[in-house]
Amino acid sequence: MKKTPDRESVLMSLKEVEGELRALGLWADESARPDEKAFLSTIPFCLDTMGFHEWLQFIFIPKMTELLNNGGSLPDNVLIHTVAEEVYRGKWNRFKKLIFSLRKLDGLFNIQ
């Protein structure tokens, strides 16, 4: 039987990811929110309509926070850090803390 991640740990990990985005200067205020059409993308992570950091801020973190706060079912598997590694390829020094935070978050879900 697969274990579910500790909700408090996931929430803290999401805050860590937010902190890394802020430290990188990639956390935007609501006025910089992508156009509503950007959210209709059918491409994974909306990579055709917004930046990966925007997807994290405006889609992933809010959705996960809502699930956590409302007692919703969490995903069985999360594998986001590999996308970050690809998106930020060649920029390891700048983005390594963000990628590490995402890897840590992924690890909370990928438990046996």
PDB file of N, CA and C in Angstrom:
ATOM      1  N   MET A   1       0.837  -1.184   0.000  1.00  0.00           N
ATOM      2  CA  MET A   1       0.000   0.000   0.000  1.00  0.00           C
ATOM      3  C   MET A   1       0.883   1.249   0.000  1.00  0.00           C
ATOM      4  N   LYS A   2       0.606   2.159  -0.888  1.00  0.00           N
ATOM      5  CA  LYS A   2       1.387   3.382  -1.020  1.00  0.00           C
ATOM      6  C   LYS A   2       1.026   4.359   0.088  1.00  0.00           C
ATOM      7  N   LYS A   3       2.051   4.950   0.691  1.00  0.00           N
ATOM      8  CA  LYS A   3       1.837   5.930   1.741  1.00  0.00           C
ATOM      9  C   LYS A   3       1.526   7.286   1.118  1.00  0.00           C
ATOM     10  N   THR A   4       0.752   8.083   1.822  1.00  0.00           N
ATOM     11  CA  THR A   4       0.496   9.436   1.358  1.00  0.00           C
ATOM     12  C   THR A   4       1.482  10.380   2.034  1.00  0.00           C
ATOM     13  N   PRO A   5       1.854  11.439   1.349  1.00  0.00           N
ATOM     14  CA  PRO A   5       2.823  12.357   1.935  1.00  0.00           C
ATOM     15  C   PRO A   5       2.230  13.116   3.117  1.00  0.00           C
ATOM     16  N   ASP A   6       3.086  13.498   4.026  1.00  0.00           N
ATOM     17  CA  ASP A   6       2.684  14.314   5.159  1.00  0.00           C
ATOM     18  C   ASP A   6       2.288  15.695   4.642  1.00  0.00           C
ATOM     19  N   ARG A   7       1.053  16.096   4.893  1.00  0.00           N
ATOM     20  CA  ARG A   7       0.530  17.353   4.352  1.00  0.00           C
ATOM     21  C   ARG A   7       1.315  18.569   4.829  1.00  0.00           C
ATOM     22  N   GLU A   8       1.716  18.572   6.088  1.00  0.00           N
ATOM     23  CA  GLU A   8       2.468  19.707   6.608  1.00  0.00           C
ATOM     24  C   GLU A   8       3.833  19.811   5.924  1.00  0.00           C
ATOM     25  N   SER A   9       4.465  18.678   5.664  1.00  0.00           N
ATOM     26  CA  SER A   9       5.751  18.677   4.967  1.00  0.00           C
ATOM     27  C   SER A   9       5.607  19.204   3.546  1.00  0.00           C
ATOM     28  N   VAL A  10       4.520  18.823   2.884  1.00  0.00           N
ATOM     29  CA  VAL A  10       4.283  19.300   1.520  1.00  0.00           C
ATOM     30  C   VAL A  10       4.059  20.811   1.533  1.00  0.00           C
ATOM     31  N   LEU A  11       3.274  21.294   2.467  1.00  0.00           N
ATOM     32  CA  LEU A  11       3.016  22.727   2.562  1.00  0.00           C
ATOM     33  C   LEU A  11       4.317  23.499   2.812  1.00  0.00           C
ATOM     34  N   MET A  12       5.151  23.000   3.700  1.00  0.00           N
ATOM     35  CA  MET A  12       6.436  23.650   3.977  1.00  0.00           C
ATOM     36  C   MET A  12       7.337  23.624   2.736  1.00  0.00           C
ATOM     37  N   SER A  13       7.295  22.532   1.998  1.00  0.00           N
ATOM     38  CA  SER A  13       8.103  22.409   0.794  1.00  0.00           C
ATOM     39  C   SER A  13       7.623  23.386  -0.289  1.00  0.00           C
ATOM     40  N   LEU A  14       6.314  23.562  -0.397  1.00  0.00           N
ATOM     41  CA  LEU A  14       5.772  24.534  -1.349  1.00  0.00           C
ATOM     42  C   LEU A  14       6.219  25.950  -0.979  1.00  0.00           C
ATOM     43  N   LYS A  15       6.248  26.244   0.309  1.00  0.00           N
ATOM     44  CA  LYS A  15       6.725  27.556   0.773  1.00  0.00           C
ATOM     45  C   LYS A  15       8.201  27.739   0.432  1.00  0.00           C
ATOM     46  N   GLU A  16       8.963  26.656   0.524  1.00  0.00           N
ATOM     47  CA  GLU A  16      10.382  26.714   0.171  1.00  0.00           C
ATOM     48  C   GLU A  16      10.553  27.024  -1.313  1.00  0.00           C
ATOM     49  N   VAL A  17       9.745  26.387  -2.159  1.00  0.00           N
ATOM     50  CA  VAL A  17       9.806  26.650  -3.598  1.00  0.00           C
ATOM     51  C   VAL A  17       9.451  28.116  -3.848  1.00  0.00           C
ATOM     52  N   GLU A  18       8.404  28.599  -3.197  1.00  0.00           N
ATOM     53  CA  GLU A  18       8.032  30.007  -3.339  1.00  0.00           C
ATOM     54  C   GLU A  18       9.193  30.910  -2.917  1.00  0.00           C
ATOM     55  N   GLY A  19       9.831  30.589  -1.822  1.00  0.00           N
ATOM     56  CA  GLY A  19      10.968  31.369  -1.357  1.00  0.00           C
ATOM     57  C   GLY A  19      12.104  31.411  -2.361  1.00  0.00           C
ATOM     58  N   GLU A  20      12.357  30.286  -3.010  1.00  0.00           N
ATOM     59  CA  GLU A  20      13.414  30.236  -4.022  1.00  0.00           C
ATOM     60  C   GLU A  20      13.035  31.092  -5.236  1.00  0.00           C
ATOM     61  N   LEU A  21      11.766  31.040  -5.637  1.00  0.00           N
ATOM     62  CA  LEU A  21      11.323  31.881  -6.744  1.00  0.00           C
ATOM     63  C   LEU A  21      11.468  33.359  -6.396  1.00  0.00           C
ATOM     64  N   ARG A  22      11.139  33.697  -5.165  1.00  0.00           N
ATOM     65  CA  ARG A  22      11.295  35.093  -4.715  1.00  0.00           C
ATOM     66  C   ARG A  22      12.769  35.495  -4.725  1.00  0.00           C
ATOM     67  N   ALA A  23      13.624  34.617  -4.222  1.00  0.00           N
ATOM     68  CA  ALA A  23      15.055  34.912  -4.175  1.00  0.00           C
ATOM     69  C   ALA A  23      15.636  35.118  -5.581  1.00  0.00           C
ATOM     70  N   LEU A  24      15.078  34.414  -6.548  1.00  0.00           N
ATOM     71  CA  LEU A  24      15.520  34.541  -7.936  1.00  0.00           C
ATOM     72  C   LEU A  24      14.901  35.751  -8.639  1.00  0.00           C
ATOM     73  N   GLY A  25      13.976  36.413  -7.971  1.00  0.00           N
ATOM     74  CA  GLY A  25      13.285  37.553  -8.578  1.00  0.00           C
ATOM     75  C   GLY A  25      12.249  37.135  -9.592  1.00  0.00           C
ATOM     76  N   LEU A  26      11.760  35.895  -9.462  1.00  0.00           N
ATOM     77  CA  LEU A  26      10.791  35.362 -10.417  1.00  0.00           C
ATOM     78  C   LEU A  26       9.361  35.325  -9.882  1.00  0.00           C
ATOM     79  N   TRP A  27       9.159  35.710  -8.630  1.00  0.00           N
ATOM     80  CA  TRP A  27       7.817  35.718  -8.048  1.00  0.00           C
ATOM     81  C   TRP A  27       7.188  37.066  -8.396  1.00  0.00           C
ATOM     82  N   ALA A  28       6.060  37.033  -9.052  1.00  0.00           N
ATOM     83  CA  ALA A  28       5.418  38.255  -9.534  1.00  0.00           C
ATOM     84  C   ALA A  28       4.195  38.605  -8.694  1.00  0.00           C
ATOM     85  N   ASP A  29       3.811  39.863  -8.740  1.00  0.00           N
ATOM     86  CA  ASP A  29       2.558  40.224  -8.086  1.00  0.00           C
ATOM     87  C   ASP A  29       1.417  39.914  -9.056  1.00  0.00           C
ATOM     88  N   GLU A  30       0.212  40.024  -8.583  1.00  0.00           N
ATOM     89  CA  GLU A  30      -0.956  39.641  -9.383  1.00  0.00           C
ATOM     90  C   GLU A  30      -1.077  40.432 -10.684  1.00  0.00           C
ATOM     91  N   SER A  31      -0.532  41.635 -10.719  1.00  0.00           N
ATOM     92  CA  SER A  31      -0.623  42.434 -11.950  1.00  0.00           C
ATOM     93  C   SER A  31       0.156  41.791 -13.096  1.00  0.00           C
ATOM     94  N   ALA A  32       1.101  40.921 -12.780  1.00  0.00           N
ATOM     95  CA  ALA A  32       1.893  40.235 -13.806  1.00  0.00           C
ATOM     96  C   ALA A  32       1.341  38.854 -14.136  1.00  0.00           C
ATOM     97  N   ARG A  33       0.176  38.545 -13.593  1.00  0.00           N
ATOM     98  CA  ARG A  33      -0.464  37.250 -13.854  1.00  0.00           C
ATOM     99  C   ARG A  33      -0.668  37.080 -15.365  1.00  0.00           C
ATOM    100  N   PRO A  34      -0.332  35.894 -15.887  1.00  0.00           N
ATOM    101  CA  PRO A  34      -0.549  35.663 -17.322  1.00  0.00           C
ATOM    102  C   PRO A  34      -2.025  35.822 -17.693  1.00  0.00           C
ATOM    103  N   ASP A  35      -2.252  36.155 -18.939  1.00  0.00           N
ATOM    104  CA  ASP A  35      -3.600  36.286 -19.471  1.00  0.00           C
ATOM    105  C   ASP A  35      -4.371  34.980 -19.274  1.00  0.00           C
ATOM    106  N   GLU A  36      -5.663  35.071 -19.076  1.00  0.00           N
ATOM    107  CA  GLU A  36      -6.484  33.875 -18.823  1.00  0.00           C
ATOM    108  C   GLU A  36      -6.361  32.831 -19.936  1.00  0.00           C
ATOM    109  N   LYS A  37      -6.121  33.266 -21.172  1.00  0.00           N
ATOM    110  CA  LYS A  37      -5.951  32.309 -22.271  1.00  0.00           C
ATOM    111  C   LYS A  37      -4.733  31.415 -22.041  1.00  0.00           C
ATOM    112  N   ALA A  38      -3.729  31.933 -21.344  1.00  0.00           N
ATOM    113  CA  ALA A  38      -2.516  31.157 -21.072  1.00  0.00           C
ATOM    114  C   ALA A  38      -2.829  29.923 -20.228  1.00  0.00           C
ATOM    115  N   PHE A  39      -3.858  30.005 -19.415  1.00  0.00           N
ATOM    116  CA  PHE A  39      -4.224  28.900 -18.528  1.00  0.00           C
ATOM    117  C   PHE A  39      -4.977  27.793 -19.260  1.00  0.00           C
ATOM    118  N   LEU A  40      -5.372  28.049 -20.490  1.00  0.00           N
ATOM    119  CA  LEU A  40      -6.121  27.062 -21.272  1.00  0.00           C
ATOM    120  C   LEU A  40      -5.212  26.129 -22.070  1.00  0.00           C
ATOM    121  N   SER A  41      -3.926  26.298 -21.939  1.00  0.00           N
ATOM    122  CA  SER A  41      -2.972  25.479 -22.675  1.00  0.00           C
ATOM    123  C   SER A  41      -3.207  23.993 -22.413  1.00  0.00           C
ATOM    124  N   THR A  42      -2.984  23.201 -23.439  1.00  0.00           N
ATOM    125  CA  THR A  42      -3.079  21.743 -23.286  1.00  0.00           C
ATOM    126  C   THR A  42      -1.685  21.108 -23.235  1.00  0.00           C
ATOM    127  N   ILE A  43      -0.667  21.930 -23.319  1.00  0.00           N
ATOM    128  CA  ILE A  43       0.721  21.466 -23.239  1.00  0.00           C
ATOM    129  C   ILE A  43       1.092  21.314 -21.758  1.00  0.00           C
ATOM    130  N   PRO A  44       1.762  20.212 -21.380  1.00  0.00           N
ATOM    131  CA  PRO A  44       2.164  20.065 -19.980  1.00  0.00           C
ATOM    132  C   PRO A  44       2.932  21.279 -19.471  1.00  0.00           C
ATOM    133  N   PHE A  45       2.610  21.678 -18.254  1.00  0.00           N
ATOM    134  CA  PHE A  45       3.241  22.806 -17.572  1.00  0.00           C
ATOM    135  C   PHE A  45       3.006  24.139 -18.288  1.00  0.00           C
ATOM    136  N   CYS A  46       2.074  24.160 -19.231  1.00  0.00           N
ATOM    137  CA  CYS A  46       1.737  25.382 -19.993  1.00  0.00           C
ATOM    138  C   CYS A  46       2.975  26.028 -20.601  1.00  0.00           C
ATOM    139  N   LEU A  47       3.943  25.211 -20.980  1.00  0.00           N
ATOM    140  CA  LEU A  47       5.214  25.750 -21.463  1.00  0.00           C
ATOM    141  C   LEU A  47       5.083  26.538 -22.767  1.00  0.00           C
ATOM    142  N   ASP A  48       3.950  26.404 -23.451  1.00  0.00           N
ATOM    143  CA  ASP A  48       3.761  27.171 -24.677  1.00  0.00           C
ATOM    144  C   ASP A  48       3.132  28.541 -24.417  1.00  0.00           C
ATOM    145  N   THR A  49       2.607  28.753 -23.214  1.00  0.00           N
ATOM    146  CA  THR A  49       1.899  30.005 -22.952  1.00  0.00           C
ATOM    147  C   THR A  49       2.438  30.803 -21.771  1.00  0.00           C
ATOM    148  N   MET A  50       3.309  30.200 -20.968  1.00  0.00           N
ATOM    149  CA  MET A  50       3.881  30.911 -19.824  1.00  0.00           C
ATOM    150  C   MET A  50       5.209  30.286 -19.453  1.00  0.00           C
ATOM    151  N   GLY A  51       5.980  31.020 -18.695  1.00  0.00           N
ATOM    152  CA  GLY A  51       7.249  30.499 -18.210  1.00  0.00           C
ATOM    153  C   GLY A  51       7.019  29.438 -17.144  1.00  0.00           C
ATOM    154  N   PHE A  52       7.989  28.557 -16.977  1.00  0.00           N
ATOM    155  CA  PHE A  52       7.872  27.497 -15.975  1.00  0.00           C
ATOM    156  C   PHE A  52       7.652  28.078 -14.582  1.00  0.00           C
ATOM    157  N   HIS A  53       8.373  29.153 -14.274  1.00  0.00           N
ATOM    158  CA  HIS A  53       8.206  29.792 -12.960  1.00  0.00           C
ATOM    159  C   HIS A  53       6.789  30.350 -12.792  1.00  0.00           C
ATOM    160  N   GLU A  54       6.189  30.812 -13.891  1.00  0.00           N
ATOM    161  CA  GLU A  54       4.806  31.298 -13.819  1.00  0.00           C
ATOM    162  C   GLU A  54       3.854  30.138 -13.557  1.00  0.00           C
ATOM    163  N   TRP A  55       4.107  28.997 -14.199  1.00  0.00           N
ATOM    164  CA  TRP A  55       3.279  27.815 -13.961  1.00  0.00           C
ATOM    165  C   TRP A  55       3.359  27.405 -12.498  1.00  0.00           C
ATOM    166  N   LEU A  56       4.582  27.424 -11.949  1.00  0.00           N
ATOM    167  CA  LEU A  56       4.735  27.091 -10.532  1.00  0.00           C
ATOM    168  C   LEU A  56       3.931  28.050  -9.664  1.00  0.00           C
ATOM    169  N   GLN A  57       4.047  29.346  -9.914  1.00  0.00           N
ATOM    170  CA  GLN A  57       3.398  30.351  -9.075  1.00  0.00           C
ATOM    171  C   GLN A  57       1.888  30.406  -9.246  1.00  0.00           C
ATOM    172  N   PHE A  58       1.427  30.381 -10.469  1.00  0.00           N
ATOM    173  CA  PHE A  58       0.011  30.648 -10.720  1.00  0.00           C
ATOM    174  C   PHE A  58      -0.859  29.407 -10.882  1.00  0.00           C
ATOM    175  N   ILE A  59      -0.238  28.249 -11.060  1.00  0.00           N
ATOM    176  CA  ILE A  59      -1.033  27.018 -11.217  1.00  0.00           C
ATOM    177  C   ILE A  59      -0.669  25.984 -10.159  1.00  0.00           C
ATOM    178  N   PHE A  60       0.575  25.536 -10.166  1.00  0.00           N
ATOM    179  CA  PHE A  60       0.943  24.416  -9.312  1.00  0.00           C
ATOM    180  C   PHE A  60       0.822  24.721  -7.821  1.00  0.00           C
ATOM    181  N   ILE A  61       1.483  25.762  -7.356  1.00  0.00           N
ATOM    182  CA  ILE A  61       1.467  26.063  -5.921  1.00  0.00           C
ATOM    183  C   ILE A  61       0.050  26.348  -5.425  1.00  0.00           C
ATOM    184  N   PRO A  62      -0.745  27.169  -6.124  1.00  0.00           N
ATOM    185  CA  PRO A  62      -2.118  27.394  -5.639  1.00  0.00           C
ATOM    186  C   PRO A  62      -2.981  26.126  -5.636  1.00  0.00           C
ATOM    187  N   LYS A  63      -2.835  25.307  -6.670  1.00  0.00           N
ATOM    188  CA  LYS A  63      -3.635  24.084  -6.738  1.00  0.00           C
ATOM    189  C   LYS A  63      -3.267  23.116  -5.609  1.00  0.00           C
ATOM    190  N   MET A  64      -1.968  22.945  -5.391  1.00  0.00           N
ATOM    191  CA  MET A  64      -1.529  22.051  -4.322  1.00  0.00           C
ATOM    192  C   MET A  64      -1.935  22.598  -2.955  1.00  0.00           C
ATOM    193  N   THR A  65      -1.824  23.903  -2.761  1.00  0.00           N
ATOM    194  CA  THR A  65      -2.209  24.518  -1.492  1.00  0.00           C
ATOM    195  C   THR A  65      -3.698  24.333  -1.239  1.00  0.00           C
ATOM    196  N   GLU A  66      -4.491  24.493  -2.285  1.00  0.00           N
ATOM    197  CA  GLU A  66      -5.938  24.286  -2.153  1.00  0.00           C
ATOM    198  C   GLU A  66      -6.252  22.845  -1.764  1.00  0.00           C
ATOM    199  N   LEU A  67      -5.609  21.895  -2.414  1.00  0.00           N
ATOM    200  CA  LEU A  67      -5.816  20.484  -2.071  1.00  0.00           C
ATOM    201  C   LEU A  67      -5.441  20.221  -0.615  1.00  0.00           C
ATOM    202  N   LEU A  68      -4.333  20.774  -0.191  1.00  0.00           N
ATOM    203  CA  LEU A  68      -3.873  20.581   1.188  1.00  0.00           C
ATOM    204  C   LEU A  68      -4.832  21.209   2.189  1.00  0.00           C
ATOM    205  N   ASN A  69      -5.271  22.413   1.907  1.00  0.00           N
ATOM    206  CA  ASN A  69      -6.159  23.124   2.835  1.00  0.00           C
ATOM    207  C   ASN A  69      -7.564  22.539   2.894  1.00  0.00           C
ATOM    208  N   ASN A  70      -8.009  21.924   1.798  1.00  0.00           N
ATOM    209  CA  ASN A  70      -9.370  21.385   1.740  1.00  0.00           C
ATOM    210  C   ASN A  70      -9.431  19.878   1.948  1.00  0.00           C
ATOM    211  N   GLY A  71      -8.304  19.273   2.271  1.00  0.00           N
ATOM    212  CA  GLY A  71      -8.288  17.829   2.503  1.00  0.00           C
ATOM    213  C   GLY A  71      -8.480  17.005   1.246  1.00  0.00           C
ATOM    214  N   GLY A  72      -8.188  17.588   0.091  1.00  0.00           N
ATOM    215  CA  GLY A  72      -8.340  16.869  -1.170  1.00  0.00           C
ATOM    216  C   GLY A  72      -7.298  15.784  -1.334  1.00  0.00           C
ATOM    217  N   SER A  73      -7.558  14.922  -2.293  1.00  0.00           N
ATOM    218  CA  SER A  73      -6.618  13.835  -2.586  1.00  0.00           C
ATOM    219  C   SER A  73      -5.378  14.401  -3.265  1.00  0.00           C
ATOM    220  N   LEU A  74      -4.239  14.034  -2.743  1.00  0.00           N
ATOM    221  CA  LEU A  74      -2.976  14.467  -3.325  1.00  0.00           C
ATOM    222  C   LEU A  74      -2.556  13.492  -4.416  1.00  0.00           C
ATOM    223  N   PRO A  75      -1.773  13.961  -5.372  1.00  0.00           N
ATOM    224  CA  PRO A  75      -1.308  13.049  -6.421  1.00  0.00           C
ATOM    225  C   PRO A  75      -0.449  11.934  -5.841  1.00  0.00           C
ATOM    226  N   ASP A  76      -0.433  10.798  -6.521  1.00  0.00           N
ATOM    227  CA  ASP A  76       0.388   9.675  -6.086  1.00  0.00           C
ATOM    228  C   ASP A  76       1.859   9.910  -6.401  1.00  0.00           C
ATOM    229  N   ASN A  77       2.105  10.630  -7.453  1.00  0.00           N
ATOM    230  CA  ASN A  77       3.461  10.792  -7.955  1.00  0.00           C
ATOM    231  C   ASN A  77       3.641  12.224  -8.434  1.00  0.00           C
ATOM    232  N   VAL A  78       4.730  12.829  -8.091  1.00  0.00           N
ATOM    233  CA  VAL A  78       5.050  14.171  -8.572  1.00  0.00           C
ATOM    234  C   VAL A  78       6.494  14.132  -9.049  1.00  0.00           C
ATOM    235  N   LEU A  79       6.718  14.625 -10.245  1.00  0.00           N
ATOM    236  CA  LEU A  79       8.073  14.631 -10.807  1.00  0.00           C
ATOM    237  C   LEU A  79       8.265  15.937 -11.573  1.00  0.00           C
ATOM    238  N   ILE A  80       8.532  16.982 -10.825  1.00  0.00           N
ATOM    239  CA  ILE A  80       8.641  18.320 -11.407  1.00  0.00           C
ATOM    240  C   ILE A  80      10.094  18.739 -11.588  1.00  0.00           C
ATOM    241  N   HIS A  81      10.973  18.272 -10.728  1.00  0.00           N
ATOM    242  CA  HIS A  81      12.355  18.747 -10.801  1.00  0.00           C
ATOM    243  C   HIS A  81      13.021  18.414 -12.135  1.00  0.00           C
ATOM    244  N   THR A  82      12.594  17.320 -12.770  1.00  0.00           N
ATOM    245  CA  THR A  82      13.206  16.966 -14.054  1.00  0.00           C
ATOM    246  C   THR A  82      12.825  17.981 -15.138  1.00  0.00           C
ATOM    247  N   VAL A  83      11.622  18.519 -15.040  1.00  0.00           N
ATOM    248  CA  VAL A  83      11.210  19.569 -15.977  1.00  0.00           C
ATOM    249  C   VAL A  83      12.050  20.817 -15.726  1.00  0.00           C
ATOM    250  N   ALA A  84      12.231  21.159 -14.456  1.00  0.00           N
ATOM    251  CA  ALA A  84      13.052  22.320 -14.112  1.00  0.00           C
ATOM    252  C   ALA A  84      14.483  22.142 -14.619  1.00  0.00           C
ATOM    253  N   GLU A  85      15.022  20.943 -14.486  1.00  0.00           N
ATOM    254  CA  GLU A  85      16.382  20.682 -14.974  1.00  0.00           C
ATOM    255  C   GLU A  85      16.481  20.944 -16.470  1.00  0.00           C
ATOM    256  N   GLU A  86      15.443  20.567 -17.197  1.00  0.00           N
ATOM    257  CA  GLU A  86      15.437  20.772 -18.644  1.00  0.00           C
ATOM    258  C   GLU A  86      15.235  22.250 -18.993  1.00  0.00           C
ATOM    259  N   VAL A  87      14.280  22.885 -18.334  1.00  0.00           N
ATOM    260  CA  VAL A  87      13.989  24.295 -18.604  1.00  0.00           C
ATOM    261  C   VAL A  87      15.201  25.172 -18.305  1.00  0.00           C
ATOM    262  N   TYR A  88      15.895  24.859 -17.231  1.00  0.00           N
ATOM    263  CA  TYR A  88      17.028  25.682 -16.801  1.00  0.00           C
ATOM    264  C   TYR A  88      18.379  25.078 -17.173  1.00  0.00           C
ATOM    265  N   ARG A  89      18.378  24.210 -18.167  1.00  0.00           N
ATOM    266  CA  ARG A  89      19.627  23.591 -18.641  1.00  0.00           C
ATOM    267  C   ARG A  89      20.633  24.678 -19.003  1.00  0.00           C
ATOM    268  N   GLY A  90      21.858  24.483 -18.535  1.00  0.00           N
ATOM    269  CA  GLY A  90      22.911  25.446 -18.805  1.00  0.00           C
ATOM    270  C   GLY A  90      22.916  26.622 -17.833  1.00  0.00           C
ATOM    271  N   LYS A  91      21.963  26.646 -16.910  1.00  0.00           N
ATOM    272  CA  LYS A  91      21.864  27.741 -15.937  1.00  0.00           C
ATOM    273  C   LYS A  91      21.871  27.178 -14.515  1.00  0.00           C
ATOM    274  N   TRP A  92      22.594  26.069 -14.336  1.00  0.00           N
ATOM    275  CA  TRP A  92      22.588  25.334 -13.071  1.00  0.00           C
ATOM    276  C   TRP A  92      22.920  26.222 -11.879  1.00  0.00           C
ATOM    277  N   ASN A  93      23.975  27.021 -11.988  1.00  0.00           N
ATOM    278  CA  ASN A  93      24.398  27.830 -10.843  1.00  0.00           C
ATOM    279  C   ASN A  93      23.293  28.755 -10.358  1.00  0.00           C
ATOM    280  N   ARG A  94      22.550  29.332 -11.267  1.00  0.00           N
ATOM    281  CA  ARG A  94      21.482  30.257 -10.867  1.00  0.00           C
ATOM    282  C   ARG A  94      20.284  29.515 -10.282  1.00  0.00           C
ATOM    283  N   PHE A  95      19.940  28.369 -10.837  1.00  0.00           N
ATOM    284  CA  PHE A  95      18.688  27.703 -10.486  1.00  0.00           C
ATOM    285  C   PHE A  95      18.843  26.459  -9.617  1.00  0.00           C
ATOM    286  N   LYS A  96      20.048  26.142  -9.153  1.00  0.00           N
ATOM    287  CA  LYS A  96      20.264  24.886  -8.424  1.00  0.00           C
ATOM    288  C   LYS A  96      19.452  24.806  -7.137  1.00  0.00           C
ATOM    289  N   LYS A  97      19.283  25.905  -6.418  1.00  0.00           N
ATOM    290  CA  LYS A  97      18.501  25.855  -5.177  1.00  0.00           C
ATOM    291  C   LYS A  97      17.031  25.604  -5.468  1.00  0.00           C
ATOM    292  N   LEU A  98      16.508  26.199  -6.540  1.00  0.00           N
ATOM    293  CA  LEU A  98      15.120  25.946  -6.926  1.00  0.00           C
ATOM    294  C   LEU A  98      14.947  24.490  -7.335  1.00  0.00           C
ATOM    295  N   ILE A  99      15.858  23.983  -8.144  1.00  0.00           N
ATOM    296  CA  ILE A  99      15.777  22.585  -8.594  1.00  0.00           C
ATOM    297  C   ILE A  99      15.880  21.639  -7.399  1.00  0.00           C
ATOM    298  N   PHE A 100      16.774  21.931  -6.473  1.00  0.00           N
ATOM    299  CA  PHE A 100      16.900  21.104  -5.278  1.00  0.00           C
ATOM    300  C   PHE A 100      15.595  21.124  -4.471  1.00  0.00           C
ATOM    301  N   SER A 101      14.983  22.295  -4.333  1.00  0.00           N
ATOM    302  CA  SER A 101      13.707  22.400  -3.597  1.00  0.00           C
ATOM    303  C   SER A 101      12.611  21.592  -4.287  1.00  0.00           C
ATOM    304  N   LEU A 102      12.593  21.625  -5.604  1.00  0.00           N
ATOM    305  CA  LEU A 102      11.590  20.841  -6.345  1.00  0.00           C
ATOM    306  C   LEU A 102      11.864  19.347  -6.218  1.00  0.00           C
ATOM    307  N   ARG A 103      13.131  18.962  -6.213  1.00  0.00           N
ATOM    308  CA  ARG A 103      13.489  17.547  -6.033  1.00  0.00           C
ATOM    309  C   ARG A 103      13.038  17.065  -4.654  1.00  0.00           C
ATOM    310  N   LYS A 104      13.232  17.902  -3.654  1.00  0.00           N
ATOM    311  CA  LYS A 104      12.801  17.579  -2.297  1.00  0.00           C
ATOM    312  C   LYS A 104      11.271  17.428  -2.237  1.00  0.00           C
ATOM    313  N   LEU A 105      10.565  18.332  -2.897  1.00  0.00           N
ATOM    314  CA  LEU A 105       9.100  18.239  -2.964  1.00  0.00           C
ATOM    315  C   LEU A 105       8.682  16.946  -3.648  1.00  0.00           C
ATOM    316  N   ASP A 106       9.286  16.638  -4.779  1.00  0.00           N
ATOM    317  CA  ASP A 106       8.976  15.388  -5.485  1.00  0.00           C
ATOM    318  C   ASP A 106       9.153  14.185  -4.568  1.00  0.00           C
ATOM    319  N   GLY A 107      10.216  14.206  -3.778  1.00  0.00           N
ATOM    320  CA  GLY A 107      10.513  13.093  -2.889  1.00  0.00           C
ATOM    321  C   GLY A 107       9.446  12.838  -1.848  1.00  0.00           C
ATOM    322  N   LEU A 108       8.706  13.872  -1.485  1.00  0.00           N
ATOM    323  CA  LEU A 108       7.624  13.696  -0.502  1.00  0.00           C
ATOM    324  C   LEU A 108       6.480  12.846  -1.069  1.00  0.00           C
ATOM    325  N   PHE A 109       6.328  12.861  -2.379  1.00  0.00           N
ATOM    326  CA  PHE A 109       5.237  12.114  -3.013  1.00  0.00           C
ATOM    327  C   PHE A 109       5.686  10.728  -3.447  1.00  0.00           C
ATOM    328  N   ASN A 110       6.909  10.575  -3.778  1.00  0.00           N
ATOM    329  CA  ASN A 110       7.407   9.329  -4.335  1.00  0.00           C
ATOM    330  C   ASN A 110       7.930   8.421  -3.239  1.00  0.00           C
ATOM    331  N   ILE A 111       7.016   8.047  -2.337  1.00  0.00           N
ATOM    332  CA  ILE A 111       7.355   7.185  -1.192  1.00  0.00           C
ATOM    333  C   ILE A 111       6.619   5.862  -1.340  1.00  0.00           C
ATOM    334  N   GLN A 112       7.189   4.865  -0.766  1.00  0.00           N
ATOM    335  CA  GLN A 112       6.555   3.529  -0.817  1.00  0.00           C
ATOM    336  C   GLN A 112       5.878   3.208   0.479  1.00  0.00           C
TER     337      GLN A 112
END
